[in-house]
Amino acid sequence: MSNPIELQAKQVPIETVKKPGLGLRIKKYSFLLMLLPALVLYGLFILYPFLSSIIMSFFEWSGIGPMDQWVGFGNYVKWLTEEPFSTMFYRALGHNAIVFVINIIFSIFFGMFISYLLSQKIKGAGIYKTLFFMPHTFSLAVVAFLWGLMLNPQWGVINRLLKTIGLDQLALPWLGDEHTALPVIILIGLWHSLGFPILVFLAAMISIPKSLIEAAVVDGASSFKIFTKIVFPLLLPPMLTIAVLTFIGSFGTFELIFLLEGSEAGPFYSTDVLGTLFYRTAFGGMGSTATGMGLGASLATMMFIIVIPISLIAVYLQKKFDVKY
């Protein structure tokens, strides 16, 4: 005798079993429509200009008229081997490297040290956190304007203070001396940006399980050993993040130098970086010997070639050393 359930199943026509319709399939991938506005904006304002600049770098073009004078890798050869282009390029690249080295030392080591002190629940820690992070909220235009006033060699508050306490020999034209201009601008940039790595390291330290610290204290570990054996290894992922952001920011330095020293990056190009060199090359500037959109586009492409491989390596290392508590 047949099972009633089997008889009922046999009575159901095969045609009545509905397959997923077109509407259901469209609904399944409807999330792609939500991405469409972002993709359009990204393609229009990021991808298209980027690809256009790469194509432009193979032409000698002033920015006006048809772009029809093909030079191949000629623009790149100029920057790397021909005078005066190579001198300008390597000088600016060296200044970017100096900016990066100083920034990475202060951002990681000094930022980590300040974060460790703030994580110890010292008196007034909230006020110190605000004071350290507040400059990061200011616009670079405001920062450049205020520091330009304070560093004025005639009536700036810095030189007046030095003269008041009897240190007249230290009252210098800080932004007008080729030996002090770049270090001073780097320090101003650090004052503006140091709050961010402090905040990142502080958040990472707070997230470290207290049980690890308490177990080390019970075992008799000193504060130095707790920091070097527990805290520091667990801070490797944020350290790599800060290193990548610092590297990208250092090789993208432009606003602060442009606002304080102009497109010529004076005095005597002592503060010239790849960003200001690109600006003078692509858009022209007083005293510039190299102007042209094609030549500027090749410089921008070389900056991209410098930044991207280092960033990819750092991202790989960050995934490798990612810490799971």
Protein backbone atom coordinates (compact mmCIF):
# COMPACT_ATOMS: atom_id res chain seq x y z
CA MET A 1 0.00 0.00 0.00
CA SER A 2 1.39 3.37 -1.04
CA ASN A 3 2.30 6.03 1.49
CA PRO A 4 -0.25 8.97 1.48
CA ILE A 5 2.61 11.49 1.39
CA GLU A 6 4.06 9.84 -1.70
CA LEU A 7 0.61 9.86 -3.38
CA GLN A 8 0.24 13.57 -2.62
CA ALA A 9 3.69 14.34 -4.06
CA LYS A 10 2.85 12.41 -7.25
CA GLN A 11 -0.29 14.51 -7.74
CA VAL A 12 1.69 17.82 -7.85
CA PRO A 13 2.37 18.71 -11.51
CA ILE A 14 5.99 19.48 -12.35
CA GLU A 15 4.91 22.76 -14.02
CA THR A 16 3.72 24.18 -10.68
CA VAL A 17 7.29 24.21 -9.21
CA LYS A 18 8.28 27.85 -9.80
CA LYS A 19 11.80 28.75 -10.75
CA PRO A 20 13.36 32.03 -9.65
CA GLY A 21 11.97 34.68 -11.95
CA LEU A 22 13.75 37.65 -13.54
CA GLY A 23 12.40 40.01 -10.88
CA LEU A 24 13.82 37.84 -8.08
CA ARG A 25 17.23 37.70 -9.77
CA ILE A 26 17.27 41.50 -10.21
CA LYS A 27 16.35 41.96 -6.57
CA LYS A 28 19.20 39.65 -5.56
CA TYR A 29 21.75 41.96 -7.21
CA SER A 30 19.97 45.23 -6.43
CA PHE A 31 22.79 46.22 -4.07
CA LEU A 32 24.88 46.96 -7.17
CA LEU A 33 22.51 49.83 -7.96
CA MET A 34 23.38 51.35 -4.59
CA LEU A 35 27.06 51.31 -5.54
CA LEU A 36 26.43 52.94 -8.91
CA PRO A 37 26.50 56.61 -7.73
CA ALA A 38 29.76 56.07 -5.84
CA LEU A 39 31.31 54.24 -8.81
CA VAL A 40 30.29 57.02 -11.19
CA LEU A 41 31.76 59.71 -8.95
CA TYR A 42 34.93 57.68 -8.37
CA GLY A 43 35.38 57.05 -12.07
CA LEU A 44 34.68 60.66 -13.00
CA PHE A 45 36.84 62.43 -10.42
CA ILE A 46 39.54 59.82 -9.57
CA LEU A 47 39.97 57.10 -12.18
CA TYR A 48 39.50 59.22 -15.31
CA PRO A 49 41.93 62.01 -14.26
CA PHE A 50 44.47 59.40 -13.12
CA LEU A 51 44.42 57.50 -16.42
CA SER A 52 44.40 60.78 -18.35
CA SER A 53 47.50 61.98 -16.52
CA ILE A 54 49.35 58.75 -17.37
CA ILE A 55 48.47 59.17 -21.06
CA MET A 56 49.39 62.84 -20.89
CA SER A 57 52.83 62.00 -19.50
CA PHE A 58 53.84 60.54 -22.88
CA PHE A 59 53.20 63.84 -24.67
CA GLU A 60 54.90 67.21 -24.70
CA TRP A 61 51.91 69.48 -24.13
CA SER A 62 51.62 72.98 -22.71
CA GLY A 63 48.00 72.51 -21.66
CA ILE A 64 46.59 74.55 -24.55
CA GLY A 65 45.73 73.24 -27.99
CA PRO A 66 45.86 69.69 -29.32
CA MET A 67 47.91 67.08 -27.51
CA ASP A 68 49.68 65.58 -30.52
CA GLN A 69 53.44 65.75 -29.85
CA TRP A 70 54.29 62.22 -28.73
CA VAL A 71 57.58 61.91 -26.82
CA GLY A 72 57.18 58.45 -25.27
CA PHE A 73 59.33 58.13 -22.17
CA GLY A 74 61.14 61.36 -22.98
CA ASN A 75 59.57 63.25 -20.07
CA TYR A 76 60.67 60.55 -17.63
CA VAL A 77 64.19 60.55 -19.07
CA LYS A 78 64.36 64.32 -18.53
CA TRP A 79 63.56 64.00 -14.83
CA LEU A 80 66.01 61.19 -14.27
CA THR A 81 69.02 62.13 -16.39
CA GLU A 82 68.85 65.59 -18.00
CA GLU A 83 69.85 68.90 -16.44
CA PRO A 84 68.34 70.99 -14.90
CA PHE A 85 65.38 68.66 -14.50
CA SER A 86 67.27 65.87 -12.75
CA THR A 87 68.80 68.30 -10.24
CA MET A 88 65.38 69.66 -9.34
CA PHE A 89 63.87 66.19 -9.14
CA TYR A 90 66.51 64.61 -6.89
CA ARG A 91 66.65 67.68 -4.65
CA ALA A 92 62.88 67.63 -4.16
CA LEU A 93 62.90 63.84 -3.66
CA GLY A 94 65.60 64.21 -1.00
CA HIS A 95 63.54 66.81 0.85
CA ASN A 96 60.52 64.48 0.78
CA ALA A 97 62.70 61.71 2.22
CA ILE A 98 63.86 64.04 5.02
CA VAL A 99 60.25 64.94 5.79
CA PHE A 100 59.34 61.25 5.95
CA VAL A 101 62.23 60.22 8.22
CA ILE A 102 61.57 63.00 10.75
CA ASN A 103 57.81 62.45 10.63
CA ILE A 104 58.09 58.68 11.11
CA ILE A 105 60.42 59.03 14.09
CA PHE A 106 58.20 61.53 15.88
CA SER A 107 54.87 60.01 14.83
CA ILE A 108 55.71 56.48 15.96
CA PHE A 109 58.14 56.78 18.85
CA PHE A 110 57.14 60.10 20.37
CA GLY A 111 53.46 59.47 19.61
CA MET A 112 53.66 56.03 21.23
CA PHE A 113 55.44 57.44 24.28
CA ILE A 114 52.83 60.17 24.81
CA SER A 115 50.04 57.62 24.31
CA TYR A 116 51.57 55.31 26.91
CA LEU A 117 51.73 58.15 29.43
CA LEU A 118 48.12 59.12 28.73
CA SER A 119 46.99 55.51 29.14
CA GLN A 120 48.35 55.43 32.73
CA LYS A 121 45.39 57.46 34.04
CA ILE A 122 47.52 60.45 35.02
CA LYS A 123 45.85 63.51 36.49
CA GLY A 124 44.39 65.76 33.81
CA ALA A 125 44.75 63.13 31.06
CA GLY A 126 41.54 64.35 29.38
CA ILE A 127 42.92 67.89 29.08
CA TYR A 128 46.20 66.60 27.64
CA LYS A 129 44.33 64.49 25.07
CA THR A 130 42.41 67.57 23.95
CA LEU A 131 45.55 69.71 23.75
CA PHE A 132 47.41 67.13 21.68
CA PHE A 133 44.55 66.41 19.27
CA MET A 134 43.17 69.96 18.87
CA PRO A 135 45.78 71.16 16.32
CA HIS A 136 44.82 68.26 14.04
CA THR A 137 41.33 69.78 13.69
CA PHE A 138 42.68 73.08 12.34
CA SER A 139 42.86 73.83 8.63
CA LEU A 140 46.38 73.93 7.20
CA ALA A 141 45.64 77.41 5.87
CA VAL A 142 44.91 78.60 9.40
CA VAL A 143 48.01 76.81 10.75
CA ALA A 144 50.26 78.38 8.10
CA PHE A 145 48.82 81.86 8.70
CA LEU A 146 49.21 81.71 12.49
CA TRP A 147 52.73 80.26 12.44
CA GLY A 148 53.75 82.72 9.73
CA LEU A 149 52.75 85.54 12.07
CA MET A 150 54.55 84.03 15.06
CA LEU A 151 57.74 83.37 13.07
CA ASN A 152 57.93 86.82 11.54
CA PRO A 153 61.55 87.98 12.05
CA GLN A 154 60.57 91.58 12.85
CA TRP A 155 57.58 91.43 15.17
CA GLY A 156 56.83 87.71 15.54
CA VAL A 157 56.16 86.45 19.04
CA ILE A 158 58.88 83.74 18.79
CA ASN A 159 61.76 86.17 18.21
CA ARG A 160 60.35 88.70 20.67
CA LEU A 161 60.23 86.04 23.37
CA LEU A 162 63.82 84.99 22.64
CA LYS A 163 64.99 88.60 22.84
CA THR A 164 63.09 89.15 26.06
CA ILE A 165 64.85 86.28 27.84
CA GLY A 166 68.26 87.37 26.52
CA LEU A 167 68.70 84.90 23.66
CA ASP A 168 69.06 87.49 20.91
CA GLN A 169 71.50 85.28 18.98
CA LEU A 170 68.72 82.70 18.51
CA ALA A 171 66.27 85.23 17.04
CA LEU A 172 66.55 84.14 13.40
CA PRO A 173 64.60 84.65 10.18
CA TRP A 174 63.24 81.12 10.59
CA LEU A 175 61.45 80.88 7.27
CA GLY A 176 63.97 83.04 5.42
CA ASP A 177 67.09 81.03 6.21
CA GLU A 178 67.80 78.08 3.94
CA HIS A 179 69.22 76.11 6.87
CA THR A 180 66.20 76.50 9.15
CA ALA A 181 63.23 76.80 6.77
CA LEU A 182 62.68 73.09 6.08
CA PRO A 183 63.16 71.88 9.71
CA VAL A 184 60.80 74.59 10.97
CA ILE A 185 58.11 73.67 8.44
CA ILE A 186 58.49 69.98 9.35
CA LEU A 187 58.02 70.82 13.04
CA ILE A 188 54.94 72.90 12.23
CA GLY A 189 53.54 69.93 10.31
CA LEU A 190 54.27 67.63 13.23
CA TRP A 191 52.53 70.01 15.64
CA HIS A 192 49.50 69.90 13.37
CA SER A 193 49.37 66.14 12.74
CA LEU A 194 50.82 64.47 15.84
CA GLY A 195 47.43 64.21 17.53
CA PHE A 196 46.28 61.54 15.08
CA PRO A 197 48.98 58.90 15.80
CA ILE A 198 48.61 59.63 19.52
CA LEU A 199 44.89 58.92 19.24
CA VAL A 200 45.47 55.70 17.25
CA PHE A 201 48.09 54.36 19.66
CA LEU A 202 45.99 55.31 22.66
CA ALA A 203 42.98 53.45 21.26
CA ALA A 204 45.17 50.39 20.61
CA MET A 205 46.59 50.46 24.14
CA ILE A 206 43.17 50.75 25.70
CA SER A 207 42.00 47.71 23.70
CA ILE A 208 44.78 45.50 25.12
CA PRO A 209 43.15 43.04 27.58
CA LYS A 210 43.86 44.03 31.17
CA SER A 211 44.31 40.38 32.07
CA LEU A 212 47.62 40.33 30.17
CA ILE A 213 48.94 43.32 32.10
CA GLU A 214 47.66 42.00 35.43
CA ALA A 215 49.26 38.58 34.84
CA ALA A 216 52.59 40.26 34.08
CA VAL A 217 52.35 42.37 37.25
CA VAL A 218 51.61 39.27 39.33
CA ASP A 219 54.70 37.61 37.82
CA GLY A 220 56.75 40.60 38.97
CA ALA A 221 57.39 42.23 35.60
CA SER A 222 58.55 45.85 35.67
CA SER A 223 56.81 48.64 33.72
CA PHE A 224 59.64 48.58 31.17
CA LYS A 225 59.23 44.83 30.56
CA ILE A 226 55.45 45.15 30.36
CA PHE A 227 55.83 47.80 27.67
CA THR A 228 58.57 46.02 25.67
CA LYS A 229 57.24 42.45 25.97
CA ILE A 230 53.47 42.98 25.88
CA VAL A 231 52.40 46.46 24.80
CA PHE A 232 54.92 47.08 22.03
CA PRO A 233 54.37 43.78 20.12
CA LEU A 234 50.61 44.31 20.22
CA LEU A 235 51.06 47.78 18.71
CA LEU A 236 52.69 46.51 15.50
CA PRO A 237 49.48 46.72 13.39
CA PRO A 238 48.74 50.38 14.27
CA MET A 239 52.45 51.16 13.88
CA LEU A 240 52.35 49.89 10.29
CA THR A 241 49.15 51.86 9.66
CA ILE A 242 50.76 55.06 10.91
CA ALA A 243 53.90 54.31 8.88
CA VAL A 244 51.89 53.93 5.66
CA LEU A 245 49.87 57.10 6.27
CA THR A 246 53.03 59.01 7.19
CA PHE A 247 54.81 57.80 4.07
CA ILE A 248 51.91 58.80 1.81
CA GLY A 249 51.52 62.14 3.58
CA SER A 250 55.25 62.92 3.46
CA PHE A 251 55.46 62.32 -0.29
CA GLY A 252 52.27 64.31 -0.79
CA THR A 253 53.50 67.32 1.16
CA PHE A 254 52.46 70.53 -0.55
CA GLU A 255 49.99 72.82 1.24
CA LEU A 256 52.11 73.92 4.19
CA ILE A 257 55.20 74.67 2.08
CA PHE A 258 53.14 76.42 -0.59
CA LEU A 259 51.36 78.60 1.98
CA LEU A 260 54.52 79.53 3.89
CA GLU A 261 57.12 79.71 1.10
CA GLY A 262 55.13 79.99 -2.13
CA SER A 263 55.46 77.95 -5.31
CA GLU A 264 59.20 78.66 -5.46
CA ALA A 265 59.68 76.80 -2.14
CA GLY A 266 62.32 79.25 -0.98
CA PRO A 267 64.69 80.32 0.13
CA PHE A 268 66.78 79.05 -2.80
CA TYR A 269 64.54 75.97 -3.20
CA SER A 270 65.61 74.74 0.25
CA THR A 271 62.03 73.61 0.98
CA ASP A 272 61.24 72.32 -2.50
CA VAL A 273 59.40 68.99 -2.54
CA LEU A 274 57.83 66.93 -5.32
CA GLY A 275 54.48 68.64 -4.78
CA THR A 276 55.79 72.18 -5.28
CA LEU A 277 58.00 71.04 -8.16
CA PHE A 278 54.95 69.53 -9.85
CA TYR A 279 52.98 72.75 -9.33
CA ARG A 280 55.69 74.90 -10.92
CA THR A 281 56.17 72.44 -13.76
CA ALA A 282 52.53 71.94 -14.67
CA PHE A 283 51.15 75.42 -13.98
CA GLY A 284 54.25 77.61 -14.24
CA GLY A 285 55.81 79.95 -11.73
CA MET A 286 58.25 82.83 -11.53
CA GLY A 287 61.76 81.60 -12.13
CA SER A 288 60.61 78.16 -13.26
CA THR A 289 62.66 76.65 -16.08
CA ALA A 290 60.29 73.73 -16.73
CA THR A 291 56.66 74.24 -17.66
CA GLY A 292 54.32 71.85 -19.33
CA MET A 293 51.36 69.66 -18.47
CA GLY A 294 52.97 66.59 -20.03
CA LEU A 295 56.16 67.02 -18.02
CA GLY A 296 54.14 67.65 -14.87
CA ALA A 297 51.99 64.57 -15.51
CA SER A 298 55.13 62.43 -15.80
CA LEU A 299 56.31 63.75 -12.44
CA ALA A 300 52.93 62.93 -10.86
CA THR A 301 53.11 59.42 -12.32
CA MET A 302 56.59 58.95 -10.85
CA MET A 303 55.26 60.03 -7.46
CA PHE A 304 52.56 57.37 -7.81
CA ILE A 305 55.18 54.75 -8.74
CA ILE A 306 57.17 55.66 -5.62
CA VAL A 307 54.23 55.55 -3.20
CA ILE A 308 52.20 52.54 -4.34
CA PRO A 309 54.79 49.69 -4.01
CA ILE A 310 55.81 50.79 -0.50
CA SER A 311 52.17 51.06 0.52
CA LEU A 312 51.38 47.57 -0.82
CA ILE A 313 54.33 46.08 1.06
CA ALA A 314 53.19 47.78 4.25
CA VAL A 315 49.63 46.50 3.81
CA TYR A 316 50.99 42.96 3.34
CA LEU A 317 53.07 43.27 6.52
CA GLN A 318 50.08 44.63 8.40
CA LYS A 319 48.03 41.57 7.48
CA LYS A 320 50.92 39.32 8.42
CA PHE A 321 51.38 40.86 11.87
CA ASP A 322 47.67 41.37 12.57
CA VAL A 323 47.02 40.62 16.22
CA LYS A 324 43.97 38.69 17.42
CA TYR A 325 43.33 38.90 21.15
